[in-house]
Amino acid sequence: MSITQQYLLDSHRARQLGEAPPPAPGRHDWQVVREFRDYRRFRAVVAGRPARGRLREALGRWLRPRPRSTC
């Protein structure tokens, strides 16, 4: 059963029981993404790492490697 079929079935049951219909599939996707981002930032702070800019800093190190010293 697809997610759309499950949504239609749940909506039909809710209508028959006089309850509020469930939220449409994908309605809260961005909220989940934001909460996950906030959780990762929180875990970074608790671990003592910078909370922001880590990906850009890592890409900068990868794209612009430091010149090697010739000792």
PDB file of N, CA and C in Angstrom:
ATOM      1  N   MET A   1       0.846  -1.171   0.000  1.00  0.00           N
ATOM      2  CA  MET A   1       0.000   0.000   0.000  1.00  0.00           C
ATOM      3  C   MET A   1       0.892   1.234   0.000  1.00  0.00           C
ATOM      4  N   SER A   2       0.579   2.157  -0.882  1.00  0.00           N
ATOM      5  CA  SER A   2       1.391   3.360  -0.972  1.00  0.00           C
ATOM      6  C   SER A   2       0.984   4.352   0.119  1.00  0.00           C
ATOM      7  N   ILE A   3       1.803   5.372   0.281  1.00  0.00           N
ATOM      8  CA  ILE A   3       1.526   6.372   1.305  1.00  0.00           C
ATOM      9  C   ILE A   3       0.254   7.155   0.973  1.00  0.00           C
ATOM     10  N   THR A   4      -0.008   7.352  -0.319  1.00  0.00           N
ATOM     11  CA  THR A   4      -1.218   8.063  -0.729  1.00  0.00           C
ATOM     12  C   THR A   4      -2.460   7.233  -0.426  1.00  0.00           C
ATOM     13  N   GLN A   5      -2.398   5.941  -0.700  1.00  0.00           N
ATOM     14  CA  GLN A   5      -3.528   5.064  -0.391  1.00  0.00           C
ATOM     15  C   GLN A   5      -3.793   5.020   1.110  1.00  0.00           C
ATOM     16  N   GLN A   6      -2.727   4.954   1.913  1.00  0.00           N
ATOM     17  CA  GLN A   6      -2.892   4.935   3.365  1.00  0.00           C
ATOM     18  C   GLN A   6      -3.516   6.242   3.850  1.00  0.00           C
ATOM     19  N   TYR A   7      -3.083   7.362   3.271  1.00  0.00           N
ATOM     20  CA  TYR A   7      -3.645   8.662   3.641  1.00  0.00           C
ATOM     21  C   TYR A   7      -5.133   8.721   3.312  1.00  0.00           C
ATOM     22  N   LEU A   8      -5.511   8.241   2.115  1.00  0.00           N
ATOM     23  CA  LEU A   8      -6.918   8.254   1.738  1.00  0.00           C
ATOM     24  C   LEU A   8      -7.749   7.353   2.644  1.00  0.00           C
ATOM     25  N   LEU A   9      -7.215   6.210   3.011  1.00  0.00           N
ATOM     26  CA  LEU A   9      -7.918   5.305   3.922  1.00  0.00           C
ATOM     27  C   LEU A   9      -8.090   5.946   5.299  1.00  0.00           C
ATOM     28  N   ASP A  10      -7.034   6.562   5.821  1.00  0.00           N
ATOM     29  CA  ASP A  10      -7.118   7.235   7.120  1.00  0.00           C
ATOM     30  C   ASP A  10      -8.085   8.414   7.073  1.00  0.00           C
ATOM     31  N   SER A  11      -8.094   9.149   5.970  1.00  0.00           N
ATOM     32  CA  SER A  11      -9.019  10.277   5.828  1.00  0.00           C
ATOM     33  C   SER A  11     -10.465   9.791   5.810  1.00  0.00           C
ATOM     34  N   HIS A  12     -10.706   8.693   5.105  1.00  0.00           N
ATOM     35  CA  HIS A  12     -12.055   8.119   5.042  1.00  0.00           C
ATOM     36  C   HIS A  12     -12.519   7.666   6.433  1.00  0.00           C
ATOM     37  N   ARG A  13     -11.640   6.974   7.151  1.00  0.00           N
ATOM     38  CA  ARG A  13     -12.001   6.530   8.507  1.00  0.00           C
ATOM     39  C   ARG A  13     -12.277   7.707   9.427  1.00  0.00           C
ATOM     40  N   ALA A  14     -11.446   8.746   9.335  1.00  0.00           N
ATOM     41  CA  ALA A  14     -11.636   9.924  10.176  1.00  0.00           C
ATOM     42  C   ALA A  14     -12.964  10.602   9.855  1.00  0.00           C
ATOM     43  N   ARG A  15     -13.308  10.677   8.566  1.00  0.00           N
ATOM     44  CA  ARG A  15     -14.573  11.300   8.167  1.00  0.00           C
ATOM     45  C   ARG A  15     -15.756  10.506   8.718  1.00  0.00           C
ATOM     46  N   GLN A  16     -15.664   9.166   8.678  1.00  0.00           N
ATOM     47  CA  GLN A  16     -16.747   8.331   9.182  1.00  0.00           C
ATOM     48  C   GLN A  16     -16.909   8.457  10.689  1.00  0.00           C
ATOM     49  N   LEU A  17     -15.782   8.626  11.403  1.00  0.00           N
ATOM     50  CA  LEU A  17     -15.834   8.732  12.853  1.00  0.00           C
ATOM     51  C   LEU A  17     -16.033  10.167  13.337  1.00  0.00           C
ATOM     52  N   GLY A  18     -16.064  11.112  12.412  1.00  0.00           N
ATOM     53  CA  GLY A  18     -16.259  12.514  12.784  1.00  0.00           C
ATOM     54  C   GLY A  18     -15.031  13.148  13.409  1.00  0.00           C
ATOM     55  N   GLU A  19     -13.861  12.622  13.105  1.00  0.00           N
ATOM     56  CA  GLU A  19     -12.611  13.154  13.646  1.00  0.00           C
ATOM     57  C   GLU A  19     -11.938  14.055  12.617  1.00  0.00           C
ATOM     58  N   ALA A  20     -10.918  14.761  13.061  1.00  0.00           N
ATOM     59  CA  ALA A  20     -10.147  15.609  12.153  1.00  0.00           C
ATOM     60  C   ALA A  20      -9.317  14.727  11.225  1.00  0.00           C
ATOM     61  N   PRO A  21      -9.202  15.115   9.961  1.00  0.00           N
ATOM     62  CA  PRO A  21      -8.389  14.301   9.039  1.00  0.00           C
ATOM     63  C   PRO A  21      -6.907  14.400   9.375  1.00  0.00           C
ATOM     64  N   PRO A  22      -6.147  13.370   9.039  1.00  0.00           N
ATOM     65  CA  PRO A  22      -4.697  13.410   9.303  1.00  0.00           C
ATOM     66  C   PRO A  22      -4.014  14.411   8.376  1.00  0.00           C
ATOM     67  N   PRO A  23      -2.823  14.876   8.733  1.00  0.00           N
ATOM     68  CA  PRO A  23      -2.106  15.793   7.843  1.00  0.00           C
ATOM     69  C   PRO A  23      -1.696  15.074   6.557  1.00  0.00           C
ATOM     70  N   ALA A  24      -1.633  15.832   5.488  1.00  0.00           N
ATOM     71  CA  ALA A  24      -1.262  15.260   4.191  1.00  0.00           C
ATOM     72  C   ALA A  24       0.179  14.760   4.232  1.00  0.00           C
ATOM     73  N   PRO A  25       0.498  13.729   3.457  1.00  0.00           N
ATOM     74  CA  PRO A  25       1.871  13.237   3.418  1.00  0.00           C
ATOM     75  C   PRO A  25       2.836  14.318   2.950  1.00  0.00           C
ATOM     76  N   GLY A  26       3.955  14.445   3.630  1.00  0.00           N
ATOM     77  CA  GLY A  26       4.962  15.423   3.264  1.00  0.00           C
ATOM     78  C   GLY A  26       4.725  16.801   3.828  1.00  0.00           C
ATOM     79  N   ARG A  27       3.674  16.974   4.572  1.00  0.00           N
ATOM     80  CA  ARG A  27       3.330  18.299   5.089  1.00  0.00           C
ATOM     81  C   ARG A  27       4.355  18.805   6.098  1.00  0.00           C
ATOM     82  N   HIS A  28       4.909  17.907   6.905  1.00  0.00           N
ATOM     83  CA  HIS A  28       5.823  18.315   7.970  1.00  0.00           C
ATOM     84  C   HIS A  28       7.277  17.963   7.674  1.00  0.00           C
ATOM     85  N   ASP A  29       7.601  17.709   6.418  1.00  0.00           N
ATOM     86  CA  ASP A  29       8.967  17.309   6.060  1.00  0.00           C
ATOM     87  C   ASP A  29       9.998  18.373   6.426  1.00  0.00           C
ATOM     88  N   TRP A  30       9.723  19.636   6.115  1.00  0.00           N
ATOM     89  CA  TRP A  30      10.694  20.691   6.401  1.00  0.00           C
ATOM     90  C   TRP A  30      10.866  20.891   7.893  1.00  0.00           C
ATOM     91  N   GLN A  31       9.810  20.684   8.650  1.00  0.00           N
ATOM     92  CA  GLN A  31       9.920  20.802  10.107  1.00  0.00           C
ATOM     93  C   GLN A  31      10.859  19.719  10.643  1.00  0.00           C
ATOM     94  N   VAL A  32      10.767  18.531  10.108  1.00  0.00           N
ATOM     95  CA  VAL A  32      11.647  17.439  10.528  1.00  0.00           C
ATOM     96  C   VAL A  32      13.095  17.759  10.178  1.00  0.00           C
ATOM     97  N   VAL A  33      13.324  18.317   8.999  1.00  0.00           N
ATOM     98  CA  VAL A  33      14.684  18.677   8.582  1.00  0.00           C
ATOM     99  C   VAL A  33      15.263  19.738   9.526  1.00  0.00           C
ATOM    100  N   ARG A  34      14.460  20.745   9.866  1.00  0.00           N
ATOM    101  CA  ARG A  34      14.930  21.804  10.783  1.00  0.00           C
ATOM    102  C   ARG A  34      15.247  21.233  12.161  1.00  0.00           C
ATOM    103  N   GLU A  35      14.372  20.356  12.667  1.00  0.00           N
ATOM    104  CA  GLU A  35      14.616  19.767  13.976  1.00  0.00           C
ATOM    105  C   GLU A  35      15.884  18.921  13.974  1.00  0.00           C
ATOM    106  N   PHE A  36      16.126  18.187  12.895  1.00  0.00           N
ATOM    107  CA  PHE A  36      17.336  17.380  12.806  1.00  0.00           C
ATOM    108  C   PHE A  36      18.572  18.270  12.775  1.00  0.00           C
ATOM    109  N   ARG A  37      18.518  19.381  12.027  1.00  0.00           N
ATOM    110  CA  ARG A  37      19.637  20.326  11.973  1.00  0.00           C
ATOM    111  C   ARG A  37      19.901  20.922  13.357  1.00  0.00           C
ATOM    112  N   ASP A  38      18.846  21.303  14.058  1.00  0.00           N
ATOM    113  CA  ASP A  38      19.012  21.854  15.403  1.00  0.00           C
ATOM    114  C   ASP A  38      19.605  20.820  16.355  1.00  0.00           C
ATOM    115  N   TYR A  39      19.169  19.581  16.221  1.00  0.00           N
ATOM    116  CA  TYR A  39      19.703  18.515  17.068  1.00  0.00           C
ATOM    117  C   TYR A  39      21.193  18.308  16.806  1.00  0.00           C
ATOM    118  N   ARG A  40      21.617  18.318  15.539  1.00  0.00           N
ATOM    119  CA  ARG A  40      23.036  18.147  15.224  1.00  0.00           C
ATOM    120  C   ARG A  40      23.860  19.306  15.751  1.00  0.00           C
ATOM    121  N   ARG A  41      23.326  20.529  15.659  1.00  0.00           N
ATOM    122  CA  ARG A  41      24.040  21.680  16.206  1.00  0.00           C
ATOM    123  C   ARG A  41      24.179  21.560  17.713  1.00  0.00           C
ATOM    124  N   PHE A  42      23.118  21.123  18.368  1.00  0.00           N
ATOM    125  CA  PHE A  42      23.154  20.941  19.819  1.00  0.00           C
ATOM    126  C   PHE A  42      24.209  19.912  20.204  1.00  0.00           C
ATOM    127  N   ARG A  43      24.231  18.762  19.506  1.00  0.00           N
ATOM    128  CA  ARG A  43      25.208  17.718  19.809  1.00  0.00           C
ATOM    129  C   ARG A  43      26.637  18.215  19.566  1.00  0.00           C
ATOM    130  N   ALA A  44      26.832  19.065  18.558  1.00  0.00           N
ATOM    131  CA  ALA A  44      28.167  19.611  18.292  1.00  0.00           C
ATOM    132  C   ALA A  44      28.612  20.501  19.437  1.00  0.00           C
ATOM    133  N   VAL A  45      27.713  21.333  19.945  1.00  0.00           N
ATOM    134  CA  VAL A  45      28.063  22.223  21.048  1.00  0.00           C
ATOM    135  C   VAL A  45      28.374  21.422  22.303  1.00  0.00           C
ATOM    136  N   VAL A  46      27.584  20.415  22.585  1.00  0.00           N
ATOM    137  CA  VAL A  46      27.813  19.583  23.767  1.00  0.00           C
ATOM    138  C   VAL A  46      29.167  18.871  23.663  1.00  0.00           C
ATOM    139  N   ALA A  47      29.546  18.486  22.445  1.00  0.00           N
ATOM    140  CA  ALA A  47      30.825  17.793  22.237  1.00  0.00           C
ATOM    141  C   ALA A  47      32.002  18.759  22.158  1.00  0.00           C
ATOM    142  N   GLY A  48      31.742  20.068  22.189  1.00  0.00           N
ATOM    143  CA  GLY A  48      32.822  21.039  22.169  1.00  0.00           C
ATOM    144  C   GLY A  48      33.310  21.405  20.784  1.00  0.00           C
ATOM    145  N   ARG A  49      32.510  21.118  19.758  1.00  0.00           N
ATOM    146  CA  ARG A  49      32.873  21.475  18.391  1.00  0.00           C
ATOM    147  C   ARG A  49      32.095  22.721  17.971  1.00  0.00           C
ATOM    148  N   PRO A  50      32.536  23.415  16.927  1.00  0.00           N
ATOM    149  CA  PRO A  50      31.760  24.568  16.450  1.00  0.00           C
ATOM    150  C   PRO A  50      30.412  24.101  15.919  1.00  0.00           C
ATOM    151  N   ALA A  51      29.379  24.868  16.193  1.00  0.00           N
ATOM    152  CA  ALA A  51      28.029  24.456  15.798  1.00  0.00           C
ATOM    153  C   ALA A  51      27.707  24.834  14.361  1.00  0.00           C
ATOM    154  N   ARG A  52      28.375  25.825  13.818  1.00  0.00           N
ATOM    155  CA  ARG A  52      28.039  26.278  12.468  1.00  0.00           C
ATOM    156  C   ARG A  52      29.287  26.356  11.610  1.00  0.00           C
ATOM    157  N   GLY A  53      29.095  26.182  10.317  1.00  0.00           N
ATOM    158  CA  GLY A  53      30.174  26.360   9.367  1.00  0.00           C
ATOM    159  C   GLY A  53      31.136  25.195   9.256  1.00  0.00           C
ATOM    160  N   ARG A  54      30.798  24.064   9.832  1.00  0.00           N
ATOM    161  CA  ARG A  54      31.728  22.933   9.796  1.00  0.00           C
ATOM    162  C   ARG A  54      31.886  22.369   8.393  1.00  0.00           C
ATOM    163  N   LEU A  55      30.803  22.278   7.653  1.00  0.00           N
ATOM    164  CA  LEU A  55      30.873  21.707   6.307  1.00  0.00           C
ATOM    165  C   LEU A  55      31.669  22.612   5.376  1.00  0.00           C
ATOM    166  N   ARG A  56      31.395  23.907   5.445  1.00  0.00           N
ATOM    167  CA  ARG A  56      32.116  24.848   4.578  1.00  0.00           C
ATOM    168  C   ARG A  56      33.604  24.853   4.918  1.00  0.00           C
ATOM    169  N   GLU A  57      33.923  24.784   6.197  1.00  0.00           N
ATOM    170  CA  GLU A  57      35.333  24.759   6.598  1.00  0.00           C
ATOM    171  C   GLU A  57      36.023  23.491   6.102  1.00  0.00           C
ATOM    172  N   ALA A  58      35.336  22.364   6.209  1.00  0.00           N
ATOM    173  CA  ALA A  58      35.919  21.107   5.736  1.00  0.00           C
ATOM    174  C   ALA A  58      36.108  21.117   4.223  1.00  0.00           C
ATOM    175  N   LEU A  59      35.130  21.648   3.500  1.00  0.00           N
ATOM    176  CA  LEU A  59      35.278  21.732   2.052  1.00  0.00           C
ATOM    177  C   LEU A  59      36.402  22.680   1.664  1.00  0.00           C
ATOM    178  N   GLY A  60      36.557  23.765   2.411  1.00  0.00           N
ATOM    179  CA  GLY A  60      37.642  24.702   2.143  1.00  0.00           C
ATOM    180  C   GLY A  60      38.999  24.054   2.334  1.00  0.00           C
ATOM    181  N   ARG A  61      39.140  23.233   3.364  1.00  0.00           N
ATOM    182  CA  ARG A  61      40.407  22.519   3.570  1.00  0.00           C
ATOM    183  C   ARG A  61      40.658  21.538   2.437  1.00  0.00           C
ATOM    184  N   TRP A  62      39.607  20.908   1.957  1.00  0.00           N
ATOM    185  CA  TRP A  62      39.754  19.909   0.909  1.00  0.00           C
ATOM    186  C   TRP A  62      40.076  20.562  -0.435  1.00  0.00           C
ATOM    187  N   LEU A  63      39.428  21.689  -0.716  1.00  0.00           N
ATOM    188  CA  LEU A  63      39.625  22.344  -2.003  1.00  0.00           C
ATOM    189  C   LEU A  63      40.901  23.186  -2.044  1.00  0.00           C
ATOM    190  N   ARG A  64      41.326  23.721  -0.909  1.00  0.00           N
ATOM    191  CA  ARG A  64      42.532  24.548  -0.855  1.00  0.00           C
ATOM    192  C   ARG A  64      43.519  23.951   0.154  1.00  0.00           C
ATOM    193  N   PRO A  65      44.172  22.872  -0.221  1.00  0.00           N
ATOM    194  CA  PRO A  65      45.121  22.274   0.737  1.00  0.00           C
ATOM    195  C   PRO A  65      46.291  23.196   1.004  1.00  0.00           C
ATOM    196  N   ARG A  66      46.824  23.088   2.195  1.00  0.00           N
ATOM    197  CA  ARG A  66      47.980  23.909   2.583  1.00  0.00           C
ATOM    198  C   ARG A  66      49.209  23.427   1.841  1.00  0.00           C
ATOM    199  N   PRO A  67      50.107  24.356   1.496  1.00  0.00           N
ATOM    200  CA  PRO A  67      51.341  23.917   0.844  1.00  0.00           C
ATOM    201  C   PRO A  67      52.193  23.114   1.837  1.00  0.00           C
ATOM    202  N   ARG A  68      52.802  22.082   1.343  1.00  0.00           N
ATOM    203  CA  ARG A  68      53.637  21.228   2.201  1.00  0.00           C
ATOM    204  C   ARG A  68      54.977  21.901   2.430  1.00  0.00           C
ATOM    205  N   SER A  69      55.449  21.782   3.632  1.00  0.00           N
ATOM    206  CA  SER A  69      56.763  22.358   3.935  1.00  0.00           C
ATOM    207  C   SER A  69      57.849  21.396   3.449  1.00  0.00           C
ATOM    208  N   THR A  70      58.924  21.972   2.972  1.00  0.00           N
ATOM    209  CA  THR A  70      60.041  21.151   2.471  1.00  0.00           C
ATOM    210  C   THR A  70      61.183  21.251   3.468  1.00  0.00           C
ATOM    211  N   CYS A  71      61.177  20.360   4.415  1.00  0.00           N
ATOM    212  CA  CYS A  71      62.223  20.338   5.428  1.00  0.00           C
ATOM    213  C   CYS A  71      63.279  19.314   5.128  1.00  0.00           C
TER     214      CYS A  71
END
